[in-house]
Amino acid sequence: MSQNTNNLDNQEIDLSMISKKITGFFDRIAFSIFKGILFLKRNLIILGVLVVTGVGIGLYLDKTNKSYDSEIIVKPNFGSTDYLYSKIDLLESKIKERDTLFLKAIGIENPKGLNLIEIDPVIDIYSFVNNGYDKSIAQNSQNFELVKLLAEDGDINKIIKDKVTSKNYSSHKIYLRTKGFVQDEKIIVPLLNYLNQNEYFETIRKTYVKNIEIKMLKNEETIGQINALLNEFSNITNSNQKSDKLVYYNENTQLNDIIHTKEALLAELANQRIELKTTDKFIKKTSSIINIKNENVTNGNLKFLLPIFLVFVFVFINLFSKFYKKQLLKSKQLAN
């Protein structure tokens, strides 16, 4: 009986201690809130000045330091992909070094406004396997077998994004980050002109274009000869019809072959005209999107973030000062 009474007493003591601890915890929270209110009351003017100053500076920085992203999609022709990547790496290093003299020398009018340049492949494994619309089936098959072979030794996603593989994609995306709006003639045009300054690739390009033009002339001559032959045949047919003579045709004649040849030559001419348009530069811009507002948390939000930062620094300094004084006093008491 006495043991049960002791257990009940112990339970009551435990509950009483828990209750006191909970009460003490909430009391400490309430006291901390009260101390915070007193701190705000004592430093209201200082905090107000910090908030106003932060908002003012933030508004100025938001207005003068707006950041925008731009994207340029380019197609490197004649095996100039490695050259393109090395040029972008050089430009990236010059921007990080703030080498404004170099950037001005290549035609960029406001080099201080150019904060970042990067390049990545436009990943298109299907285009890589097909190797373009004008490539042979044998070449397409080789690329497909290459992808299969690479995929056997590792993750296909890693293979697709691998640096060595990615340089074989036909299109690549150049990223620019600028302070303020981008204008084509002030940044993008000088940049593309700089990338297209290479005597070796320019010589190859001119030779390639000349070869295409020669092929086009030959194809046009052949098509003209086919047209003349077809016209002659048509005239003979019309003449025979007028003279009431019967003319028999069969599939053994070469007329169908001639017509198919003409169609193939016309298709080749169409592709050659497209090639001339896409090879007027060995680094060919295919499209661009400029002045996309950068969604970085600080971009345009400094008028809100800077006051909070200044207040936080002020509070931290006060807390650290109190902590230091408290620990200094303890060390003096222990020394005595």
C-alpha atoms as a PDB file:
ATOM      1  CA  MET A   1       0.000   0.000   0.000  1.00  0.00           C
ATOM      2  CA  SER A   2       2.789   2.384   0.937  1.00  0.00           C
ATOM      3  CA  GLN A   3       4.609   1.460  -2.310  1.00  0.00           C
ATOM      4  CA  ASN A   4       1.565   2.517  -4.391  1.00  0.00           C
ATOM      5  CA  THR A   5       1.394   5.781  -2.480  1.00  0.00           C
ATOM      6  CA  ASN A   6       5.073   6.451  -3.223  1.00  0.00           C
ATOM      7  CA  ASN A   7       4.522   5.748  -6.941  1.00  0.00           C
ATOM      8  CA  LEU A   8       1.635   8.191  -7.042  1.00  0.00           C
ATOM      9  CA  ASP A   9       3.736  10.825  -5.272  1.00  0.00           C
ATOM     10  CA  ASN A  10       6.593  10.306  -7.751  1.00  0.00           C
ATOM     11  CA  GLN A  11       4.223  10.629 -10.711  1.00  0.00           C
ATOM     12  CA  GLU A  12       2.796  13.854  -9.267  1.00  0.00           C
ATOM     13  CA  ILE A  13       6.338  15.189  -8.780  1.00  0.00           C
ATOM     14  CA  ASP A  14       7.271  14.265 -12.389  1.00  0.00           C
ATOM     15  CA  LEU A  15       4.151  15.932 -13.785  1.00  0.00           C
ATOM     16  CA  SER A  16       4.825  18.996 -11.666  1.00  0.00           C
ATOM     17  CA  MET A  17       8.412  19.225 -12.970  1.00  0.00           C
ATOM     18  CA  ILE A  18       7.285  18.806 -16.590  1.00  0.00           C
ATOM     19  CA  SER A  19       4.650  21.470 -16.084  1.00  0.00           C
ATOM     20  CA  LYS A  20       7.234  23.833 -14.590  1.00  0.00           C
ATOM     21  CA  LYS A  21       9.647  23.186 -17.493  1.00  0.00           C
ATOM     22  CA  ILE A  22       6.939  23.866 -20.082  1.00  0.00           C
ATOM     23  CA  THR A  23       5.891  27.021 -18.268  1.00  0.00           C
ATOM     24  CA  GLY A  24       9.520  28.108 -18.000  1.00  0.00           C
ATOM     25  CA  PHE A  25      10.052  27.468 -21.727  1.00  0.00           C
ATOM     26  CA  PHE A  26       7.125  29.674 -22.733  1.00  0.00           C
ATOM     27  CA  ASP A  27       8.197  32.290 -20.205  1.00  0.00           C
ATOM     28  CA  ARG A  28      11.640  32.416 -21.816  1.00  0.00           C
ATOM     29  CA  ILE A  29      10.057  32.794 -25.261  1.00  0.00           C
ATOM     30  CA  ALA A  30       7.821  35.599 -23.984  1.00  0.00           C
ATOM     31  CA  PHE A  31      10.812  37.285 -22.346  1.00  0.00           C
ATOM     32  CA  SER A  32      12.834  36.998 -25.548  1.00  0.00           C
ATOM     33  CA  ILE A  33       9.979  38.596 -27.493  1.00  0.00           C
ATOM     34  CA  PHE A  34       9.811  41.354 -24.894  1.00  0.00           C
ATOM     35  CA  LYS A  35      13.575  41.923 -25.186  1.00  0.00           C
ATOM     36  CA  GLY A  36      13.176  42.080 -28.950  1.00  0.00           C
ATOM     37  CA  ILE A  37      10.462  44.701 -28.620  1.00  0.00           C
ATOM     38  CA  LEU A  38      12.699  46.731 -26.296  1.00  0.00           C
ATOM     39  CA  PHE A  39      15.581  46.411 -28.771  1.00  0.00           C
ATOM     40  CA  LEU A  40      13.375  47.666 -31.607  1.00  0.00           C
ATOM     41  CA  LYS A  41      12.149  50.528 -29.426  1.00  0.00           C
ATOM     42  CA  ARG A  42      15.687  51.571 -28.465  1.00  0.00           C
ATOM     43  CA  ASN A  43      17.009  51.370 -32.010  1.00  0.00           C
ATOM     44  CA  LEU A  44      13.927  52.436 -33.949  1.00  0.00           C
ATOM     45  CA  ILE A  45      15.608  55.444 -35.539  1.00  0.00           C
ATOM     46  CA  ILE A  46      18.735  53.483 -36.554  1.00  0.00           C
ATOM     47  CA  LEU A  47      16.644  50.652 -38.010  1.00  0.00           C
ATOM     48  CA  GLY A  48      14.488  53.158 -39.887  1.00  0.00           C
ATOM     49  CA  VAL A  49      17.571  54.812 -41.378  1.00  0.00           C
ATOM     50  CA  LEU A  50      18.959  51.397 -42.405  1.00  0.00           C
ATOM     51  CA  VAL A  51      15.670  50.406 -44.100  1.00  0.00           C
ATOM     52  CA  VAL A  52      15.362  53.696 -45.980  1.00  0.00           C
ATOM     53  CA  THR A  53      19.032  53.576 -47.015  1.00  0.00           C
ATOM     54  CA  GLY A  54      18.713  49.958 -48.144  1.00  0.00           C
ATOM     55  CA  VAL A  55      15.589  50.677 -50.187  1.00  0.00           C
ATOM     56  CA  GLY A  56      17.224  53.713 -51.803  1.00  0.00           C
ATOM     57  CA  ILE A  57      20.436  51.913 -52.719  1.00  0.00           C
ATOM     58  CA  GLY A  58      18.455  48.867 -53.828  1.00  0.00           C
ATOM     59  CA  LEU A  59      16.270  50.943 -56.155  1.00  0.00           C
ATOM     60  CA  TYR A  60      19.361  52.511 -57.702  1.00  0.00           C
ATOM     61  CA  LEU A  61      21.098  49.143 -58.192  1.00  0.00           C
ATOM     62  CA  ASP A  62      17.928  47.549 -59.600  1.00  0.00           C
ATOM     63  CA  LYS A  63      17.667  50.359 -62.113  1.00  0.00           C
ATOM     64  CA  THR A  64      21.316  50.396 -63.188  1.00  0.00           C
ATOM     65  CA  ASN A  65      22.235  46.707 -62.903  1.00  0.00           C
ATOM     66  CA  LYS A  66      19.378  44.865 -64.574  1.00  0.00           C
ATOM     67  CA  SER A  67      20.643  41.564 -65.931  1.00  0.00           C
ATOM     68  CA  TYR A  68      19.430  39.955 -69.156  1.00  0.00           C
ATOM     69  CA  ASP A  69      20.156  36.656 -70.882  1.00  0.00           C
ATOM     70  CA  SER A  70      20.461  36.125 -74.636  1.00  0.00           C
ATOM     71  CA  GLU A  71      20.816  32.954 -76.695  1.00  0.00           C
ATOM     72  CA  ILE A  72      22.373  32.577 -80.136  1.00  0.00           C
ATOM     73  CA  ILE A  73      22.042  29.264 -81.974  1.00  0.00           C
ATOM     74  CA  VAL A  74      24.875  28.702 -84.429  1.00  0.00           C
ATOM     75  CA  LYS A  75      25.822  25.959 -86.864  1.00  0.00           C
ATOM     76  CA  PRO A  76      29.578  25.387 -87.262  1.00  0.00           C
ATOM     77  CA  ASN A  77      30.356  24.243 -90.804  1.00  0.00           C
ATOM     78  CA  PHE A  78      33.377  22.431 -92.267  1.00  0.00           C
ATOM     79  CA  GLY A  79      34.468  20.841 -88.982  1.00  0.00           C
ATOM     80  CA  SER A  80      34.862  24.156 -87.147  1.00  0.00           C
ATOM     81  CA  THR A  81      33.222  22.995 -83.884  1.00  0.00           C
ATOM     82  CA  ASP A  82      36.465  22.699 -81.895  1.00  0.00           C
ATOM     83  CA  TYR A  83      37.556  26.075 -83.223  1.00  0.00           C
ATOM     84  CA  LEU A  84      34.223  27.573 -82.091  1.00  0.00           C
ATOM     85  CA  TYR A  85      34.538  26.155 -78.567  1.00  0.00           C
ATOM     86  CA  SER A  86      38.132  27.382 -78.214  1.00  0.00           C
ATOM     87  CA  LYS A  87      37.087  30.899 -79.272  1.00  0.00           C
ATOM     88  CA  ILE A  88      34.243  30.968 -76.756  1.00  0.00           C
ATOM     89  CA  ASP A  89      36.625  29.763 -74.025  1.00  0.00           C
ATOM     90  CA  LEU A  90      38.981  32.608 -74.911  1.00  0.00           C
ATOM     91  CA  LEU A  91      36.176  35.167 -74.764  1.00  0.00           C
ATOM     92  CA  GLU A  92      35.027  33.741 -71.431  1.00  0.00           C
ATOM     93  CA  SER A  93      38.503  34.178 -69.960  1.00  0.00           C
ATOM     94  CA  LYS A  94      38.726  37.752 -71.294  1.00  0.00           C
ATOM     95  CA  ILE A  95      35.373  38.629 -69.712  1.00  0.00           C
ATOM     96  CA  LYS A  96      36.454  37.180 -66.344  1.00  0.00           C
ATOM     97  CA  GLU A  97      39.707  39.147 -66.555  1.00  0.00           C
ATOM     98  CA  ARG A  98      37.724  42.286 -67.492  1.00  0.00           C
ATOM     99  CA  ASP A  99      39.967  42.753 -70.529  1.00  0.00           C
ATOM    100  CA  THR A 100      37.901  45.574 -72.009  1.00  0.00           C
ATOM    101  CA  LEU A 101      40.645  46.512 -74.489  1.00  0.00           C
ATOM    102  CA  PHE A 102      40.444  43.089 -76.154  1.00  0.00           C
ATOM    103  CA  LEU A 103      36.647  43.124 -76.227  1.00  0.00           C
ATOM    104  CA  LYS A 104      36.589  46.620 -77.712  1.00  0.00           C
ATOM    105  CA  ALA A 105      39.167  45.577 -80.310  1.00  0.00           C
ATOM    106  CA  ILE A 106      36.811  42.884 -81.663  1.00  0.00           C
ATOM    107  CA  GLY A 107      33.990  45.438 -81.990  1.00  0.00           C
ATOM    108  CA  ILE A 108      31.973  45.122 -78.762  1.00  0.00           C
ATOM    109  CA  GLU A 109      31.035  48.700 -77.915  1.00  0.00           C
ATOM    110  CA  ASN A 110      30.167  48.212 -74.238  1.00  0.00           C
ATOM    111  CA  PRO A 111      32.472  45.454 -72.946  1.00  0.00           C
ATOM    112  CA  LYS A 112      31.721  46.281 -69.297  1.00  0.00           C
ATOM    113  CA  GLY A 113      28.115  45.302 -69.909  1.00  0.00           C
ATOM    114  CA  LEU A 114      29.050  41.769 -71.011  1.00  0.00           C
ATOM    115  CA  ASN A 115      29.178  39.621 -67.866  1.00  0.00           C
ATOM    116  CA  LEU A 116      29.090  36.035 -69.154  1.00  0.00           C
ATOM    117  CA  ILE A 117      29.485  33.944 -72.281  1.00  0.00           C
ATOM    118  CA  GLU A 118      29.097  30.154 -72.483  1.00  0.00           C
ATOM    119  CA  ILE A 119      28.408  27.538 -75.127  1.00  0.00           C
ATOM    120  CA  ASP A 120      26.531  24.232 -75.012  1.00  0.00           C
ATOM    121  CA  PRO A 121      25.420  21.805 -77.706  1.00  0.00           C
ATOM    122  CA  VAL A 122      21.814  21.625 -78.809  1.00  0.00           C
ATOM    123  CA  ILE A 123      21.360  17.950 -77.988  1.00  0.00           C
ATOM    124  CA  ASP A 124      19.607  16.252 -80.903  1.00  0.00           C
ATOM    125  CA  ILE A 125      20.528  12.577 -81.030  1.00  0.00           C
ATOM    126  CA  TYR A 126      18.051  11.902 -83.849  1.00  0.00           C
ATOM    127  CA  SER A 127      19.690  14.476 -86.093  1.00  0.00           C
ATOM    128  CA  PHE A 128      23.096  13.034 -85.195  1.00  0.00           C
ATOM    129  CA  VAL A 129      21.997   9.509 -86.130  1.00  0.00           C
ATOM    130  CA  ASN A 130      20.385  10.710 -89.358  1.00  0.00           C
ATOM    131  CA  ASN A 131      23.394  12.999 -89.932  1.00  0.00           C
ATOM    132  CA  GLY A 132      21.289  15.557 -91.773  1.00  0.00           C
ATOM    133  CA  TYR A 133      18.878  15.317 -94.673  1.00  0.00           C
ATOM    134  CA  ASP A 134      21.569  15.294 -97.351  1.00  0.00           C
ATOM    135  CA  LYS A 135      23.793  12.481 -96.055  1.00  0.00           C
ATOM    136  CA  SER A 136      23.949   8.949 -97.329  1.00  0.00           C
ATOM    137  CA  ILE A 137      22.191   5.991 -95.754  1.00  0.00           C
ATOM    138  CA  ALA A 138      25.583   4.345 -95.174  1.00  0.00           C
ATOM    139  CA  GLN A 139      26.768   7.323 -93.118  1.00  0.00           C
ATOM    140  CA  ASN A 140      23.518   7.342 -91.127  1.00  0.00           C
ATOM    141  CA  SER A 141      23.994   3.638 -90.369  1.00  0.00           C
ATOM    142  CA  GLN A 142      27.561   4.266 -89.194  1.00  0.00           C
ATOM    143  CA  ASN A 143      26.415   6.935 -86.736  1.00  0.00           C
ATOM    144  CA  PHE A 144      23.641   4.679 -85.435  1.00  0.00           C
ATOM    145  CA  GLU A 145      26.071   1.806 -84.876  1.00  0.00           C
ATOM    146  CA  LEU A 146      28.481   4.197 -83.141  1.00  0.00           C
ATOM    147  CA  VAL A 147      25.774   5.302 -80.675  1.00  0.00           C
ATOM    148  CA  LYS A 148      24.862   1.661 -79.994  1.00  0.00           C
ATOM    149  CA  LEU A 149      28.512   0.783 -79.383  1.00  0.00           C
ATOM    150  CA  LEU A 150      29.025   3.708 -76.995  1.00  0.00           C
ATOM    151  CA  ALA A 151      25.802   2.911 -75.146  1.00  0.00           C
ATOM    152  CA  GLU A 152      26.957  -0.656 -74.440  1.00  0.00           C
ATOM    153  CA  ASP A 153      29.803   0.604 -72.244  1.00  0.00           C
ATOM    154  CA  GLY A 154      27.850   3.137 -70.189  1.00  0.00           C
ATOM    155  CA  ASP A 155      24.720   5.141 -69.520  1.00  0.00           C
ATOM    156  CA  ILE A 156      23.196   6.344 -72.808  1.00  0.00           C
ATOM    157  CA  ASN A 157      22.222   9.680 -71.218  1.00  0.00           C
ATOM    158  CA  LYS A 158      25.823  10.316 -70.189  1.00  0.00           C
ATOM    159  CA  ILE A 159      27.027   9.324 -73.650  1.00  0.00           C
ATOM    160  CA  ILE A 160      24.592  11.726 -75.312  1.00  0.00           C
ATOM    161  CA  LYS A 161      25.730  14.617 -73.082  1.00  0.00           C
ATOM    162  CA  ASP A 162      29.413  13.691 -73.147  1.00  0.00           C
ATOM    163  CA  LYS A 163      31.666  16.538 -74.294  1.00  0.00           C
ATOM    164  CA  VAL A 164      33.248  14.502 -77.096  1.00  0.00           C
ATOM    165  CA  THR A 165      29.871  13.299 -78.410  1.00  0.00           C
ATOM    166  CA  SER A 166      28.155  16.639 -78.024  1.00  0.00           C
ATOM    167  CA  LYS A 167      30.615  18.407 -80.304  1.00  0.00           C
ATOM    168  CA  ASN A 168      29.294  16.288 -83.186  1.00  0.00           C
ATOM    169  CA  TYR A 169      25.807  17.808 -82.958  1.00  0.00           C
ATOM    170  CA  SER A 170      24.999  20.177 -85.794  1.00  0.00           C
ATOM    171  CA  SER A 171      23.806  23.142 -83.704  1.00  0.00           C
ATOM    172  CA  HIS A 172      25.200  24.829 -80.603  1.00  0.00           C
ATOM    173  CA  LYS A 173      23.814  27.477 -78.293  1.00  0.00           C
ATOM    174  CA  ILE A 174      25.861  30.492 -77.165  1.00  0.00           C
ATOM    175  CA  TYR A 175      24.656  32.054 -73.902  1.00  0.00           C
ATOM    176  CA  LEU A 176      25.246  35.731 -73.113  1.00  0.00           C
ATOM    177  CA  ARG A 177      24.520  37.567 -69.876  1.00  0.00           C
ATOM    178  CA  THR A 178      24.579  41.333 -70.067  1.00  0.00           C
ATOM    179  CA  LYS A 179      23.968  44.316 -67.853  1.00  0.00           C
ATOM    180  CA  GLY A 180      21.164  46.090 -69.666  1.00  0.00           C
ATOM    181  CA  PHE A 181      19.575  45.416 -73.035  1.00  0.00           C
ATOM    182  CA  VAL A 182      21.463  43.753 -75.880  1.00  0.00           C
ATOM    183  CA  GLN A 183      21.547  45.353 -79.316  1.00  0.00           C
ATOM    184  CA  ASP A 184      22.413  43.180 -82.306  1.00  0.00           C
ATOM    185  CA  GLU A 185      24.776  45.644 -83.915  1.00  0.00           C
ATOM    186  CA  LYS A 186      26.659  46.346 -80.662  1.00  0.00           C
ATOM    187  CA  ILE A 187      27.292  42.833 -79.334  1.00  0.00           C
ATOM    188  CA  ILE A 188      25.921  39.972 -81.445  1.00  0.00           C
ATOM    189  CA  VAL A 189      27.102  41.151 -84.880  1.00  0.00           C
ATOM    190  CA  PRO A 190      30.677  41.940 -83.683  1.00  0.00           C
ATOM    191  CA  LEU A 191      30.768  38.625 -81.826  1.00  0.00           C
ATOM    192  CA  LEU A 192      29.770  36.617 -84.916  1.00  0.00           C
ATOM    193  CA  ASN A 193      32.199  38.592 -87.091  1.00  0.00           C
ATOM    194  CA  TYR A 194      34.979  37.756 -84.634  1.00  0.00           C
ATOM    195  CA  LEU A 195      34.074  34.054 -84.677  1.00  0.00           C
ATOM    196  CA  ASN A 196      34.187  34.049 -88.477  1.00  0.00           C
ATOM    197  CA  GLN A 197      37.710  35.474 -88.668  1.00  0.00           C
ATOM    198  CA  ASN A 198      39.805  32.452 -89.619  1.00  0.00           C
ATOM    199  CA  GLU A 199      41.727  32.230 -92.885  1.00  0.00           C
ATOM    200  CA  TYR A 200      41.791  28.421 -93.010  1.00  0.00           C
ATOM    201  CA  PHE A 201      38.031  27.872 -92.602  1.00  0.00           C
ATOM    202  CA  GLU A 202      37.233  30.837 -94.833  1.00  0.00           C
ATOM    203  CA  THR A 203      39.357  29.320 -97.629  1.00  0.00           C
ATOM    204  CA  ILE A 204      37.560  25.987 -97.242  1.00  0.00           C
ATOM    205  CA  ARG A 205      34.199  27.766 -97.271  1.00  0.00           C
ATOM    206  CA  LYS A 206      34.962  29.666-100.481  1.00  0.00           C
ATOM    207  CA  THR A 207      36.189  26.487-102.176  1.00  0.00           C
ATOM    208  CA  TYR A 208      33.095  24.598-101.040  1.00  0.00           C
ATOM    209  CA  VAL A 209      30.775  27.343-102.320  1.00  0.00           C
ATOM    210  CA  LYS A 210      32.609  27.452-105.648  1.00  0.00           C
ATOM    211  CA  ASN A 211      32.225  23.683-106.034  1.00  0.00           C
ATOM    212  CA  ILE A 212      28.494  23.920-105.320  1.00  0.00           C
ATOM    213  CA  GLU A 213      28.105  26.692-107.889  1.00  0.00           C
ATOM    214  CA  ILE A 214      29.907  24.563-110.501  1.00  0.00           C
ATOM    215  CA  LYS A 215      27.657  21.586-109.713  1.00  0.00           C
ATOM    216  CA  MET A 216      24.572  23.814-109.963  1.00  0.00           C
ATOM    217  CA  LEU A 217      25.629  25.063-113.400  1.00  0.00           C
ATOM    218  CA  LYS A 218      26.185  21.497-114.587  1.00  0.00           C
ATOM    219  CA  ASN A 219      22.833  20.394-113.179  1.00  0.00           C
ATOM    220  CA  GLU A 220      21.071  23.335-114.819  1.00  0.00           C
ATOM    221  CA  GLU A 221      22.748  22.487-118.145  1.00  0.00           C
ATOM    222  CA  THR A 222      21.668  18.863-117.826  1.00  0.00           C
ATOM    223  CA  ILE A 223      18.106  19.880-116.936  1.00  0.00           C
ATOM    224  CA  GLY A 224      18.100  22.200-119.958  1.00  0.00           C
ATOM    225  CA  GLN A 225      19.187  19.322-122.193  1.00  0.00           C
ATOM    226  CA  ILE A 226      16.480  17.069-120.713  1.00  0.00           C
ATOM    227  CA  ASN A 227      13.876  19.802-121.271  1.00  0.00           C
ATOM    228  CA  ALA A 228      14.994  20.169-124.872  1.00  0.00           C
ATOM    229  CA  LEU A 229      14.772  16.400-125.366  1.00  0.00           C
ATOM    230  CA  LEU A 230      11.305  16.272-123.796  1.00  0.00           C
ATOM    231  CA  ASN A 231      10.145  19.210-125.932  1.00  0.00           C
ATOM    232  CA  GLU A 232      11.451  17.502-129.039  1.00  0.00           C
ATOM    233  CA  PHE A 233       9.676  14.303-128.088  1.00  0.00           C
ATOM    234  CA  SER A 234       6.487  16.269-127.382  1.00  0.00           C
ATOM    235  CA  ASN A 235       6.682  17.977-130.770  1.00  0.00           C
ATOM    236  CA  ILE A 236       7.156  14.619-132.516  1.00  0.00           C
ATOM    237  CA  THR A 237       4.184  13.202-130.619  1.00  0.00           C
ATOM    238  CA  ASN A 238       1.955  16.150-131.542  1.00  0.00           C
ATOM    239  CA  SER A 239       3.053  15.911-135.158  1.00  0.00           C
ATOM    240  CA  ASN A 240       2.223  12.239-135.311  1.00  0.00           C
ATOM    241  CA  GLN A 241      -1.170  12.842-133.747  1.00  0.00           C
ATOM    242  CA  LYS A 242      -1.970  15.463-136.359  1.00  0.00           C
ATOM    243  CA  SER A 243      -1.014  13.069-139.143  1.00  0.00           C
ATOM    244  CA  ASP A 244      -3.298  10.394-137.662  1.00  0.00           C
ATOM    245  CA  LYS A 245      -0.368   8.030-137.138  1.00  0.00           C
ATOM    246  CA  LEU A 246      -0.420   5.775-134.123  1.00  0.00           C
ATOM    247  CA  VAL A 247       2.529   5.875-131.761  1.00  0.00           C
ATOM    248  CA  TYR A 248       3.026   3.063-129.258  1.00  0.00           C
ATOM    249  CA  TYR A 249       4.853   3.475-125.955  1.00  0.00           C
ATOM    250  CA  ASN A 250       6.016   0.862-123.560  1.00  0.00           C
ATOM    251  CA  GLU A 251       7.966   0.772-120.326  1.00  0.00           C
ATOM    252  CA  ASN A 252      11.096  -0.267-122.173  1.00  0.00           C
ATOM    253  CA  THR A 253      11.621   3.264-123.443  1.00  0.00           C
ATOM    254  CA  GLN A 254      13.991   5.499-121.462  1.00  0.00           C
ATOM    255  CA  LEU A 255      11.429   8.277-121.102  1.00  0.00           C
ATOM    256  CA  ASN A 256      10.599   7.397-117.495  1.00  0.00           C
ATOM    257  CA  ASP A 257      14.294   7.255-116.622  1.00  0.00           C
ATOM    258  CA  ILE A 258      14.830  10.689-118.141  1.00  0.00           C
ATOM    259  CA  ILE A 259      11.914  12.157-116.152  1.00  0.00           C
ATOM    260  CA  HIS A 260      13.190  10.599-112.904  1.00  0.00           C
ATOM    261  CA  THR A 261      16.655  11.962-113.621  1.00  0.00           C
ATOM    262  CA  LYS A 262      15.207  15.439-114.078  1.00  0.00           C
ATOM    263  CA  GLU A 263      13.300  15.178-110.793  1.00  0.00           C
ATOM    264  CA  ALA A 264      16.453  14.058-108.958  1.00  0.00           C
ATOM    265  CA  LEU A 265      18.439  16.942-110.450  1.00  0.00           C
ATOM    266  CA  LEU A 266      15.741  19.451-109.441  1.00  0.00           C
ATOM    267  CA  ALA A 267      15.777  18.093-105.873  1.00  0.00           C
ATOM    268  CA  GLU A 268      19.575  18.328-105.802  1.00  0.00           C
ATOM    269  CA  LEU A 269      19.419  21.916-107.069  1.00  0.00           C
ATOM    270  CA  ALA A 270      16.973  22.811-104.300  1.00  0.00           C
ATOM    271  CA  ASN A 271      19.331  21.339-101.675  1.00  0.00           C
ATOM    272  CA  GLN A 272      22.282  23.148-103.219  1.00  0.00           C
ATOM    273  CA  ARG A 273      20.464  26.494-103.019  1.00  0.00           C
ATOM    274  CA  ILE A 274      19.805  25.816 -99.321  1.00  0.00           C
ATOM    275  CA  GLU A 275      23.476  24.906 -98.827  1.00  0.00           C
ATOM    276  CA  LEU A 276      24.554  28.205-100.358  1.00  0.00           C
ATOM    277  CA  LYS A 277      22.348  30.042 -97.874  1.00  0.00           C
ATOM    278  CA  THR A 278      23.681  28.086 -94.873  1.00  0.00           C
ATOM    279  CA  THR A 279      27.358  28.216 -95.839  1.00  0.00           C
ATOM    280  CA  ASP A 280      27.816  31.941 -96.432  1.00  0.00           C
ATOM    281  CA  LYS A 281      29.590  31.829 -93.019  1.00  0.00           C
ATOM    282  CA  PHE A 282      31.523  28.943 -91.521  1.00  0.00           C
ATOM    283  CA  ILE A 283      29.993  29.849 -88.142  1.00  0.00           C
ATOM    284  CA  LYS A 284      26.419  30.404 -89.245  1.00  0.00           C
ATOM    285  CA  LYS A 285      23.814  31.976 -86.964  1.00  0.00           C
ATOM    286  CA  THR A 286      20.498  30.195 -87.392  1.00  0.00           C
ATOM    287  CA  SER A 287      18.453  32.061 -84.761  1.00  0.00           C
ATOM    288  CA  SER A 288      18.717  34.237 -81.673  1.00  0.00           C
ATOM    289  CA  ILE A 289      16.603  35.252 -78.691  1.00  0.00           C
ATOM    290  CA  ILE A 290      17.782  38.344 -76.846  1.00  0.00           C
ATOM    291  CA  ASN A 291      16.970  40.264 -73.669  1.00  0.00           C
ATOM    292  CA  ILE A 292      15.369  37.536 -71.578  1.00  0.00           C
ATOM    293  CA  LYS A 293      15.105  38.893 -68.038  1.00  0.00           C
ATOM    294  CA  ASN A 294      17.401  36.967 -65.735  1.00  0.00           C
ATOM    295  CA  GLU A 295      15.371  35.221 -63.033  1.00  0.00           C
ATOM    296  CA  ASN A 296      18.135  35.299 -60.422  1.00  0.00           C
ATOM    297  CA  VAL A 297      16.658  36.058 -56.985  1.00  0.00           C
ATOM    298  CA  THR A 298      18.736  39.249 -56.663  1.00  0.00           C
ATOM    299  CA  ASN A 299      17.893  40.584 -60.126  1.00  0.00           C
ATOM    300  CA  GLY A 300      15.420  43.442 -59.637  1.00  0.00           C
ATOM    301  CA  ASN A 301      14.802  42.558 -55.971  1.00  0.00           C
ATOM    302  CA  LEU A 302      17.662  44.408 -54.272  1.00  0.00           C
ATOM    303  CA  LYS A 303      15.245  47.086 -53.034  1.00  0.00           C
ATOM    304  CA  PHE A 304      13.748  44.370 -50.809  1.00  0.00           C
ATOM    305  CA  LEU A 305      16.826  42.268 -50.053  1.00  0.00           C
ATOM    306  CA  LEU A 306      19.277  45.058 -49.198  1.00  0.00           C
ATOM    307  CA  PRO A 307      17.217  46.570 -46.305  1.00  0.00           C
ATOM    308  CA  ILE A 308      16.761  43.082 -44.825  1.00  0.00           C
ATOM    309  CA  PHE A 309      20.494  42.451 -45.129  1.00  0.00           C
ATOM    310  CA  LEU A 310      21.423  45.739 -43.451  1.00  0.00           C
ATOM    311  CA  VAL A 311      19.008  45.121 -40.572  1.00  0.00           C
ATOM    312  CA  PHE A 312      20.324  41.577 -40.159  1.00  0.00           C
ATOM    313  CA  VAL A 313      23.925  42.840 -40.024  1.00  0.00           C
ATOM    314  CA  PHE A 314      22.987  45.469 -37.416  1.00  0.00           C
ATOM    315  CA  VAL A 315      21.189  42.889 -35.240  1.00  0.00           C
ATOM    316  CA  PHE A 316      24.070  40.424 -35.588  1.00  0.00           C
ATOM    317  CA  ILE A 317      26.620  43.058 -34.548  1.00  0.00           C
ATOM    318  CA  ASN A 318      24.541  43.940 -31.447  1.00  0.00           C
ATOM    319  CA  LEU A 319      24.115  40.288 -30.445  1.00  0.00           C
ATOM    320  CA  PHE A 320      27.803  39.585 -30.975  1.00  0.00           C
ATOM    321  CA  SER A 321      28.735  42.665 -28.931  1.00  0.00           C
ATOM    322  CA  LYS A 322      26.535  41.529 -26.022  1.00  0.00           C
ATOM    323  CA  PHE A 323      27.925  37.993 -26.239  1.00  0.00           C
ATOM    324  CA  TYR A 324      31.508  39.304 -26.237  1.00  0.00           C
ATOM    325  CA  LYS A 325      30.909  41.574 -23.232  1.00  0.00           C
ATOM    326  CA  LYS A 326      29.207  38.754 -21.328  1.00  0.00           C
ATOM    327  CA  GLN A 327      32.054  36.320 -21.967  1.00  0.00           C
ATOM    328  CA  LEU A 328      34.642  39.002 -21.126  1.00  0.00           C
ATOM    329  CA  LEU A 329      32.940  39.617 -17.787  1.00  0.00           C
ATOM    330  CA  LYS A 330      32.940  35.890 -17.023  1.00  0.00           C
ATOM    331  CA  SER A 331      36.613  35.586 -17.828  1.00  0.00           C
ATOM    332  CA  LYS A 332      37.416  38.497 -15.467  1.00  0.00           C
ATOM    333  CA  GLN A 333      35.352  36.908 -12.677  1.00  0.00           C
ATOM    334  CA  LEU A 334      37.158  33.590 -13.125  1.00  0.00           C
ATOM    335  CA  ALA A 335      40.503  35.379 -13.112  1.00  0.00           C
ATOM    336  CA  ASN A 336      39.677  37.038  -9.783  1.00  0.00           C
END
